[in-house]
Amino acid sequence: MENKETRVAVIGIIVEKRDSVDALNHILTEYSDYIIGRMGLPYSKKKINCITVIIDAEQNVINSLCGKLGRLDGVSSKAAFSNV
């Protein structure tokens, strides 16, 4: 079996529409085998939630996750990749 190269990435997610939270959690559960950790913080002053996800996966898996998150209504996400 071929060893696939993985990268560590930090995905920052901002949730502006609470109705999208269930779909967001469902997507993150799909990728749970790759997720190292996650932290979510509500910011009541702006009525948003901020989530950070740390993931170790192949580049195409990370891109797929970010693409699914980006299609959710009221959800913004960006990824920063490690060089190793």
C-alpha atoms as a PDB file:
ATOM      1  CA  MET A   1       0.000   0.000   0.000  1.00  0.00           C
ATOM      2  CA  GLU A   2       1.321   3.416  -0.978  1.00  0.00           C
ATOM      3  CA  ASN A   3       1.980   5.938   1.791  1.00  0.00           C
ATOM      4  CA  LYS A   4       0.125   9.196   1.016  1.00  0.00           C
ATOM      5  CA  GLU A   5       1.653  12.501   2.012  1.00  0.00           C
ATOM      6  CA  THR A   6      -0.388  14.510   4.496  1.00  0.00           C
ATOM      7  CA  ARG A   7      -0.210  18.107   5.664  1.00  0.00           C
ATOM      8  CA  VAL A   8      -1.337  19.797   8.828  1.00  0.00           C
ATOM      9  CA  ALA A   9      -3.719  22.687   8.358  1.00  0.00           C
ATOM     10  CA  VAL A  10      -5.639  25.098  10.548  1.00  0.00           C
ATOM     11  CA  ILE A  11      -9.131  25.878   9.314  1.00  0.00           C
ATOM     12  CA  GLY A  12     -10.769  29.014  10.685  1.00  0.00           C
ATOM     13  CA  ILE A  13     -14.555  28.988  10.482  1.00  0.00           C
ATOM     14  CA  ILE A  14     -16.996  31.814  11.212  1.00  0.00           C
ATOM     15  CA  VAL A  15     -20.676  30.935  11.564  1.00  0.00           C
ATOM     16  CA  GLU A  16     -23.038  33.858  11.050  1.00  0.00           C
ATOM     17  CA  LYS A  17     -26.255  31.836  10.610  1.00  0.00           C
ATOM     18  CA  ARG A  18     -27.127  29.496  13.437  1.00  0.00           C
ATOM     19  CA  ASP A  19     -29.344  27.447  11.102  1.00  0.00           C
ATOM     20  CA  SER A  20     -26.165  26.095   9.453  1.00  0.00           C
ATOM     21  CA  VAL A  21     -24.667  24.629  12.646  1.00  0.00           C
ATOM     22  CA  ASP A  22     -26.221  21.166  12.270  1.00  0.00           C
ATOM     23  CA  ALA A  23     -24.964  20.833   8.686  1.00  0.00           C
ATOM     24  CA  LEU A  24     -21.517  22.107   9.737  1.00  0.00           C
ATOM     25  CA  ASN A  25     -21.276  19.557  12.551  1.00  0.00           C
ATOM     26  CA  HIS A  26     -22.386  16.791  10.186  1.00  0.00           C
ATOM     27  CA  ILE A  27     -19.591  17.706   7.736  1.00  0.00           C
ATOM     28  CA  LEU A  28     -16.979  17.834  10.504  1.00  0.00           C
ATOM     29  CA  THR A  29     -18.123  14.411  11.718  1.00  0.00           C
ATOM     30  CA  GLU A  30     -17.542  13.039   8.179  1.00  0.00           C
ATOM     31  CA  TYR A  31     -13.902  14.159   8.469  1.00  0.00           C
ATOM     32  CA  SER A  32     -13.398  13.184  12.120  1.00  0.00           C
ATOM     33  CA  ASP A  33     -10.703  10.596  11.277  1.00  0.00           C
ATOM     34  CA  TYR A  34      -8.458  13.458  10.095  1.00  0.00           C
ATOM     35  CA  ILE A  35      -9.264  16.065  12.749  1.00  0.00           C
ATOM     36  CA  ILE A  36      -6.630  16.480  15.467  1.00  0.00           C
ATOM     37  CA  GLY A  37      -8.709  18.915  17.487  1.00  0.00           C
ATOM     38  CA  ARG A  38     -11.260  21.661  17.367  1.00  0.00           C
ATOM     39  CA  MET A  39     -12.261  24.645  19.467  1.00  0.00           C
ATOM     40  CA  GLY A  40     -15.381  26.751  19.186  1.00  0.00           C
ATOM     41  CA  LEU A  41     -16.112  30.062  20.826  1.00  0.00           C
ATOM     42  CA  PRO A  42     -19.334  32.059  20.678  1.00  0.00           C
ATOM     43  CA  TYR A  43     -18.969  35.803  20.272  1.00  0.00           C
ATOM     44  CA  SER A  44     -22.284  37.125  21.526  1.00  0.00           C
ATOM     45  CA  LYS A  45     -21.446  40.769  20.878  1.00  0.00           C
ATOM     46  CA  LYS A  46     -21.464  40.091  17.110  1.00  0.00           C
ATOM     47  CA  LYS A  47     -23.869  37.107  17.292  1.00  0.00           C
ATOM     48  CA  ILE A  48     -21.383  34.785  15.582  1.00  0.00           C
ATOM     49  CA  ASN A  49     -19.466  31.636  16.452  1.00  0.00           C
ATOM     50  CA  CYS A  50     -15.763  31.164  15.727  1.00  0.00           C
ATOM     51  CA  ILE A  51     -14.400  27.646  15.255  1.00  0.00           C
ATOM     52  CA  THR A  52     -10.836  26.472  14.753  1.00  0.00           C
ATOM     53  CA  VAL A  53     -10.183  23.000  13.365  1.00  0.00           C
ATOM     54  CA  ILE A  54      -6.728  21.403  13.204  1.00  0.00           C
ATOM     55  CA  ILE A  55      -6.500  18.649  10.598  1.00  0.00           C
ATOM     56  CA  ASP A  56      -3.822  16.240   9.315  1.00  0.00           C
ATOM     57  CA  ALA A  57      -4.819  14.925   5.894  1.00  0.00           C
ATOM     58  CA  GLU A  58      -3.937  14.808   2.225  1.00  0.00           C
ATOM     59  CA  GLN A  59      -4.267  18.150   0.457  1.00  0.00           C
ATOM     60  CA  ASN A  60      -7.285  17.011  -1.570  1.00  0.00           C
ATOM     61  CA  VAL A  61      -9.124  15.921   1.615  1.00  0.00           C
ATOM     62  CA  ILE A  62      -8.528  19.307   3.238  1.00  0.00           C
ATOM     63  CA  ASN A  63      -9.654  21.098   0.068  1.00  0.00           C
ATOM     64  CA  SER A  64     -12.786  18.943  -0.064  1.00  0.00           C
ATOM     65  CA  LEU A  65     -13.646  19.790   3.545  1.00  0.00           C
ATOM     66  CA  CYS A  66     -13.102  23.515   2.948  1.00  0.00           C
ATOM     67  CA  GLY A  67     -15.242  23.367  -0.187  1.00  0.00           C
ATOM     68  CA  LYS A  68     -18.142  21.742   1.669  1.00  0.00           C
ATOM     69  CA  LEU A  69     -17.897  24.288   4.475  1.00  0.00           C
ATOM     70  CA  GLY A  70     -17.814  27.157   1.983  1.00  0.00           C
ATOM     71  CA  ARG A  71     -21.104  26.053   0.423  1.00  0.00           C
ATOM     72  CA  LEU A  72     -22.982  26.363   3.720  1.00  0.00           C
ATOM     73  CA  ASP A  73     -25.185  29.432   4.027  1.00  0.00           C
ATOM     74  CA  GLY A  74     -23.784  31.923   6.518  1.00  0.00           C
ATOM     75  CA  VAL A  75     -20.490  30.061   7.005  1.00  0.00           C
ATOM     76  CA  SER A  76     -17.040  31.397   6.032  1.00  0.00           C
ATOM     77  CA  SER A  77     -13.822  29.382   6.212  1.00  0.00           C
ATOM     78  CA  LYS A  78     -10.146  29.708   5.349  1.00  0.00           C
ATOM     79  CA  ALA A  79      -7.292  27.235   5.671  1.00  0.00           C
ATOM     80  CA  ALA A  80      -3.637  27.841   6.486  1.00  0.00           C
ATOM     81  CA  PHE A  81      -1.298  24.959   5.606  1.00  0.00           C
ATOM     82  CA  SER A  82       1.953  23.814   7.176  1.00  0.00           C
ATOM     83  CA  ASN A  83       4.941  23.384   4.903  1.00  0.00           C
ATOM     84  CA  VAL A  84       5.606  19.846   6.162  1.00  0.00           C
END
